[in-house]
PDB file of N, CA and C in Angstrom:
ATOM      1  N   MET A   1      51.915 127.589  47.204  1.00  0.00           N
ATOM      2  CA  MET A   1      52.772 126.947  46.136  1.00  0.00           C
ATOM      3  C   MET A   1      53.215 128.382  45.159  1.00  0.00           C
ATOM      4  N   ASN A   2      54.681 128.571  44.930  1.00  0.00           N
ATOM      5  CA  ASN A   2      54.896 130.224  44.266  1.00  0.00           C
ATOM      6  C   ASN A   2      55.435 129.643  42.846  1.00  0.00           C
ATOM      7  N   VAL A   3      54.514 129.879  41.733  1.00  0.00           N
ATOM      8  CA  VAL A   3      54.187 128.981  40.843  1.00  0.00           C
ATOM      9  C   VAL A   3      55.521 129.655  39.515  1.00  0.00           C
ATOM     10  N   GLU A   4      55.973 130.895  40.048  1.00  0.00           N
ATOM     11  CA  GLU A   4      57.337 131.368  39.602  1.00  0.00           C
ATOM     12  C   GLU A   4      58.149 130.679  40.017  1.00  0.00           C
ATOM     13  N   LEU A   5      58.573 130.402  41.095  1.00  0.00           N
ATOM     14  CA  LEU A   5      60.048 129.713  41.945  1.00  0.00           C
ATOM     15  C   LEU A   5      60.167 128.511  40.912  1.00  0.00           C
ATOM     16  N   VAL A   6      59.103 127.297  40.860  1.00  0.00           N
ATOM     17  CA  VAL A   6      58.943 126.409  40.226  1.00  0.00           C
ATOM     18  C   VAL A   6      59.094 126.334  38.777  1.00  0.00           C
ATOM     19  N   VAL A   7      58.603 127.836  37.570  1.00  0.00           N
ATOM     20  CA  VAL A   7      59.352 127.583  36.374  1.00  0.00           C
ATOM     21  C   VAL A   7      60.143 128.231  36.380  1.00  0.00           C
ATOM     22  N   PHE A   8      60.831 129.047  37.235  1.00  0.00           N
ATOM     23  CA  PHE A   8      62.294 129.143  36.757  1.00  0.00           C
ATOM     24  C   PHE A   8      63.300 128.142  37.387  1.00  0.00           C
ATOM     25  N   GLY A   9      62.701 127.280  38.372  1.00  0.00           N
ATOM     26  CA  GLY A   9      64.015 126.428  38.686  1.00  0.00           C
ATOM     27  C   GLY A   9      63.791 125.188  37.536  1.00  0.00           C
ATOM     28  N   LEU A  10      62.117 124.938  37.283  1.00  0.00           N
ATOM     29  CA  LEU A  10      62.459 124.090  35.863  1.00  0.00           C
ATOM     30  C   LEU A  10      63.170 124.642  34.475  1.00  0.00           C
ATOM     31  N   ILE A  11      62.768 125.892  34.444  1.00  0.00           N
ATOM     32  CA  ILE A  11      64.204 126.294  33.411  1.00  0.00           C
ATOM     33  C   ILE A  11      65.237 125.926  33.146  1.00  0.00           C
ATOM     34  N   ALA A  12      66.128 126.412  34.515  1.00  0.00           N
ATOM     35  CA  ALA A  12      67.684 126.021  34.777  1.00  0.00           C
ATOM     36  C   ALA A  12      67.524 125.098  35.012  1.00  0.00           C
ATOM     37  N   ILE A  13      66.587 123.796  35.302  1.00  0.00           N
ATOM     38  CA  ILE A  13      67.020 122.226  35.209  1.00  0.00           C
ATOM     39  C   ILE A  13      67.531 122.322  33.636  1.00  0.00           C
ATOM     40  N   ALA A  14      66.241 122.754  32.798  1.00  0.00           N
ATOM     41  CA  ALA A  14      66.187 122.514  31.541  1.00  0.00           C
ATOM     42  C   ALA A  14      67.682 123.361  30.669  1.00  0.00           C
ATOM     43  N   ILE A  15      68.147 124.098  31.070  1.00  0.00           N
ATOM     44  CA  ILE A  15      69.524 124.797  30.568  1.00  0.00           C
ATOM     45  C   ILE A  15      70.725 123.867  30.579  1.00  0.00           C
ATOM     46  N   GLY A  16      70.288 123.600  32.229  1.00  0.00           N
ATOM     47  CA  GLY A  16      71.446 122.332  32.863  1.00  0.00           C
ATOM     48  C   GLY A  16      71.671 120.946  31.731  1.00  0.00           C
ATOM     49  N   ILE A  17      70.759 120.777  31.546  1.00  0.00           N
ATOM     50  CA  ILE A  17      70.443 119.796  30.917  1.00  0.00           C
ATOM     51  C   ILE A  17      70.796 119.673  29.653  1.00  0.00           C
ATOM     52  N   ALA A  18      70.659 120.928  28.580  1.00  0.00           N
ATOM     53  CA  ALA A  18      70.814 121.294  27.280  1.00  0.00           C
ATOM     54  C   ALA A  18      72.309 121.740  27.353  1.00  0.00           C
ATOM     55  N   LEU A  19      72.489 122.174  28.155  1.00  0.00           N
ATOM     56  CA  LEU A  19      74.162 122.304  28.418  1.00  0.00           C
ATOM     57  C   LEU A  19      75.227 120.993  28.090  1.00  0.00           C
ATOM     58  N   LEU A  20      74.892 120.158  29.089  1.00  0.00           N
ATOM     59  CA  LEU A  20      75.195 118.778  29.589  1.00  0.00           C
ATOM     60  C   LEU A  20      75.044 118.114  28.182  1.00  0.00           C
ATOM     61  N   TYR A  21      74.077 118.186  27.138  1.00  0.00           N
ATOM     62  CA  TYR A  21      73.964 117.600  26.001  1.00  0.00           C
ATOM     63  C   TYR A  21      75.092 118.062  25.075  1.00  0.00           C
ATOM     64  N   ALA A  22      74.912 119.581  24.666  1.00  0.00           N
ATOM     65  CA  ALA A  22      75.647 120.035  23.695  1.00  0.00           C
ATOM     66  C   ALA A  22      76.859 119.824  24.190  1.00  0.00           C
ATOM     67  N   ALA A  23      77.444 119.686  25.055  1.00  0.00           N
ATOM     68  CA  ALA A  23      78.920 119.936  25.274  1.00  0.00           C
ATOM     69  C   ALA A  23      79.227 118.733  25.037  1.00  0.00           C
ATOM     70  N   ARG A  24      78.371 117.139  25.488  1.00  0.00           N
ATOM     71  CA  ARG A  24      78.677 115.724  25.079  1.00  0.00           C
ATOM     72  C   ARG A  24      78.877 115.817  23.495  1.00  0.00           C
ATOM     73  N   HIS A  25      78.031 116.634  22.746  1.00  0.00           N
ATOM     74  CA  HIS A  25      78.335 116.316  20.948  1.00  0.00           C
ATOM     75  C   HIS A  25      78.750 117.588  20.602  1.00  0.00           C
ATOM     76  N   LEU A  26      79.898 118.730  21.476  1.00  0.00           N
ATOM     77  CA  LEU A  26      80.481 119.451  21.322  1.00  0.00           C
ATOM     78  C   LEU A  26      82.488 118.825  21.879  1.00  0.00           C
ATOM     79  N   TYR A  27      82.613 118.259  22.631  1.00  0.00           N
ATOM     80  CA  TYR A  27      83.931 117.732  22.836  1.00  0.00           C
ATOM     81  C   TYR A  27      84.414 116.708  22.052  1.00  0.00           C
ATOM     82  N   PRO A  28      84.051 115.956  21.680  1.00  0.00           N
ATOM     83  CA  PRO A  28      84.734 115.399  20.296  1.00  0.00           C
ATOM     84  C   PRO A  28      85.570 116.521  18.948  1.00  0.00           C
ATOM     85  N   ARG A  29      85.276 117.040  19.114  1.00  0.00           N
ATOM     86  CA  ARG A  29      85.186 118.410  17.824  1.00  0.00           C
ATOM     87  C   ARG A  29      86.479 118.779  18.051  1.00  0.00           C
ATOM     88  N   LEU A  30      86.438 119.406  19.578  1.00  0.00           N
ATOM     89  CA  LEU A  30      87.055 120.064  19.977  1.00  0.00           C
ATOM     90  C   LEU A  30      88.836 119.138  19.908  1.00  0.00           C
ATOM     91  N   GLU A  31      90.092 120.588  19.181  1.00  0.00           N
ATOM     92  CA  GLU A  31      91.450 120.126  19.191  1.00  0.00           C
ATOM     93  C   GLU A  31      91.628 120.634  20.624  1.00  0.00           C
ATOM     94  N   LEU A  32      91.978 120.326  21.400  1.00  0.00           N
ATOM     95  CA  LEU A  32      92.762 120.392  22.280  1.00  0.00           C
ATOM     96  C   LEU A  32      93.486 119.811  23.206  1.00  0.00           C
ATOM     97  N   VAL A  33      94.684 120.177  23.867  1.00  0.00           N
ATOM     98  CA  VAL A  33      95.356 119.118  24.340  1.00  0.00           C
ATOM     99  C   VAL A  33      94.758 118.261  25.934  1.00  0.00           C
ATOM    100  N   ASP A  34      94.949 117.468  26.137  1.00  0.00           N
ATOM    101  CA  ASP A  34      94.186 116.729  26.928  1.00  0.00           C
ATOM    102  C   ASP A  34      94.320 117.360  28.492  1.00  0.00           C
ATOM    103  N   GLU A  35      94.816 117.979  28.751  1.00  0.00           N
ATOM    104  CA  GLU A  35      94.891 118.732  30.099  1.00  0.00           C
ATOM    105  C   GLU A  35      94.001 119.758  29.847  1.00  0.00           C
ATOM    106  N   ALA A  36      93.956 120.463  28.785  1.00  0.00           N
ATOM    107  CA  ALA A  36      93.160 121.566  28.381  1.00  0.00           C
ATOM    108  C   ALA A  36      91.488 120.822  28.504  1.00  0.00           C
ATOM    109  N   LEU A  37      91.258 120.384  27.897  1.00  0.00           N
ATOM    110  CA  LEU A  37      89.900 119.545  27.614  1.00  0.00           C
ATOM    111  C   LEU A  37      89.811 119.055  29.073  1.00  0.00           C
ATOM    112  N   ALA A  38      90.138 118.371  29.958  1.00  0.00           N
ATOM    113  CA  ALA A  38      90.325 118.479  31.066  1.00  0.00           C
ATOM    114  C   ALA A  38      89.893 119.348  31.814  1.00  0.00           C
ATOM    115  N   SER A  39      90.109 120.613  31.664  1.00  0.00           N
ATOM    116  CA  SER A  39      89.912 121.698  32.550  1.00  0.00           C
ATOM    117  C   SER A  39      88.097 121.811  32.324  1.00  0.00           C
ATOM    118  N   VAL A  40      87.971 121.968  30.881  1.00  0.00           N
ATOM    119  CA  VAL A  40      87.064 122.396  30.075  1.00  0.00           C
ATOM    120  C   VAL A  40      85.863 121.604  30.800  1.00  0.00           C
ATOM    121  N   ARG A  41      85.868 120.031  30.889  1.00  0.00           N
ATOM    122  CA  ARG A  41      85.093 119.151  31.224  1.00  0.00           C
ATOM    123  C   ARG A  41      84.715 119.472  32.698  1.00  0.00           C
ATOM    124  N   LEU A  42      85.390 119.849  33.213  1.00  0.00           N
ATOM    125  CA  LEU A  42      85.615 120.148  34.690  1.00  0.00           C
ATOM    126  C   LEU A  42      84.710 121.554  35.240  1.00  0.00           C
ATOM    127  N   LEU A  43      84.819 122.530  34.189  1.00  0.00           N
ATOM    128  CA  LEU A  43      84.107 123.621  34.263  1.00  0.00           C
ATOM    129  C   LEU A  43      82.488 123.073  33.934  1.00  0.00           C
ATOM    130  N   THR A  44      82.391 122.867  32.769  1.00  0.00           N
ATOM    131  CA  THR A  44      81.014 122.479  32.809  1.00  0.00           C
ATOM    132  C   THR A  44      80.515 121.559  33.832  1.00  0.00           C
ATOM    133  N   ALA A  45      81.024 120.606  33.953  1.00  0.00           N
ATOM    134  CA  ALA A  45      80.299 119.827  34.927  1.00  0.00           C
ATOM    135  C   ALA A  45      80.265 120.653  36.237  1.00  0.00           C
ATOM    136  N   ILE A  46      81.390 121.750  36.254  1.00  0.00           N
ATOM    137  CA  ILE A  46      80.619 122.927  37.443  1.00  0.00           C
ATOM    138  C   ILE A  46      79.215 123.415  37.595  1.00  0.00           C
ATOM    139  N   ILE A  47      79.666 124.033  35.804  1.00  0.00           N
ATOM    140  CA  ILE A  47      78.600 124.978  35.704  1.00  0.00           C
ATOM    141  C   ILE A  47      77.281 123.624  35.514  1.00  0.00           C
ATOM    142  N   VAL A  48      76.758 123.048  35.377  1.00  0.00           N
ATOM    143  CA  VAL A  48      75.834 122.080  35.205  1.00  0.00           C
ATOM    144  C   VAL A  48      75.524 121.669  36.801  1.00  0.00           C
ATOM    145  N   ALA A  49      76.275 121.430  37.184  1.00  0.00           N
ATOM    146  CA  ALA A  49      76.287 120.776  38.965  1.00  0.00           C
ATOM    147  C   ALA A  49      74.947 122.034  39.311  1.00  0.00           C
ATOM    148  N   LEU A  50      75.535 123.463  39.175  1.00  0.00           N
ATOM    149  CA  LEU A  50      75.010 124.695  39.824  1.00  0.00           C
ATOM    150  C   LEU A  50      74.078 124.714  39.082  1.00  0.00           C
ATOM    151  N   LEU A  51      73.479 124.808  38.375  1.00  0.00           N
ATOM    152  CA  LEU A  51      72.048 124.756  37.723  1.00  0.00           C
ATOM    153  C   LEU A  51      71.044 123.718  37.840  1.00  0.00           C
ATOM    154  N   LEU A  52      71.231 122.821  37.867  1.00  0.00           N
ATOM    155  CA  LEU A  52      70.864 121.374  38.036  1.00  0.00           C
ATOM    156  C   LEU A  52      70.587 121.313  39.817  1.00  0.00           C
ATOM    157  N   LEU A  53      71.273 121.574  40.844  1.00  0.00           N
ATOM    158  CA  LEU A  53      70.736 122.080  41.785  1.00  0.00           C
ATOM    159  C   LEU A  53      70.389 123.168  42.586  1.00  0.00           C
ATOM    160  N   GLY A  54      70.694 124.369  41.405  1.00  0.00           N
ATOM    161  CA  GLY A  54      69.934 125.638  41.746  1.00  0.00           C
ATOM    162  C   GLY A  54      68.536 125.457  41.519  1.00  0.00           C
ATOM    163  N   GLY A  55      68.091 124.708  40.428  1.00  0.00           N
ATOM    164  CA  GLY A  55      66.940 124.599  39.873  1.00  0.00           C
ATOM    165  C   GLY A  55      65.939 123.465  40.615  1.00  0.00           C
ATOM    166  N   LEU A  56      66.942 122.466  41.606  1.00  0.00           N
ATOM    167  CA  LEU A  56      65.881 121.349  42.203  1.00  0.00           C
ATOM    168  C   LEU A  56      65.844 122.220  43.219  1.00  0.00           C
ATOM    169  N   GLY A  57      66.404 123.389  43.899  1.00  0.00           N
ATOM    170  CA  GLY A  57      66.056 124.253  45.248  1.00  0.00           C
ATOM    171  C   GLY A  57      65.408 124.754  44.800  1.00  0.00           C
ATOM    172  N   LEU A  58      64.940 125.825  44.046  1.00  0.00           N
ATOM    173  CA  LEU A  58      63.963 126.632  43.540  1.00  0.00           C
ATOM    174  C   LEU A  58      62.418 125.725  42.918  1.00  0.00           C
ATOM    175  N   VAL A  59      62.828 124.866  42.697  1.00  0.00           N
ATOM    176  CA  VAL A  59      61.012 124.070  42.858  1.00  0.00           C
ATOM    177  C   VAL A  59      60.860 123.791  44.327  1.00  0.00           C
ATOM    178  N   LEU A  60      61.968 123.166  44.957  1.00  0.00           N
ATOM    179  CA  LEU A  60      61.288 122.817  46.188  1.00  0.00           C
ATOM    180  C   LEU A  60      60.953 124.114  47.227  1.00  0.00           C
ATOM    181  N   VAL A  61      61.391 125.300  46.789  1.00  0.00           N
ATOM    182  CA  VAL A  61      60.913 125.983  47.604  1.00  0.00           C
ATOM    183  C   VAL A  61      59.671 126.684  47.016  1.00  0.00           C
ATOM    184  N   GLY A  62      59.507 126.790  46.183  1.00  0.00           N
ATOM    185  CA  GLY A  62      58.548 127.107  45.188  1.00  0.00           C
ATOM    186  C   GLY A  62      57.061 125.658  45.629  1.00  0.00           C
ATOM    187  N   ALA A  63      58.129 124.570  45.666  1.00  0.00           N
ATOM    188  CA  ALA A  63      56.240 123.928  45.792  1.00  0.00           C
ATOM    189  C   ALA A  63      55.953 124.203  47.529  1.00  0.00           C
ATOM    190  N   LEU A  64      56.895 124.296  47.992  1.00  0.00           N
ATOM    191  CA  LEU A  64      56.710 124.176  49.706  1.00  0.00           C
ATOM    192  C   LEU A  64      55.851 125.295  50.152  1.00  0.00           C
ATOM    193  N   MET A  65      56.082 126.653  49.420  1.00  0.00           N
ATOM    194  CA  MET A  65      55.354 127.981  49.678  1.00  0.00           C
ATOM    195  C   MET A  65      54.224 128.255  49.429  1.00  0.00           C
TER     196      MET A  65
END
């Protein structure tokens, strides 16, 4: 078990969840047209997905090593 990979994975997962939580509270305050808001939401979803999948991958690899 590689503890460093597991910790980095958990940190990435926590950052992804925190970003998703912050974005959900920030979106209603943004004064953007619908197309721009859709683009911002898509970009946020992609970033969160990468963080979560990367974090899960690090935890899995760290636990198997």
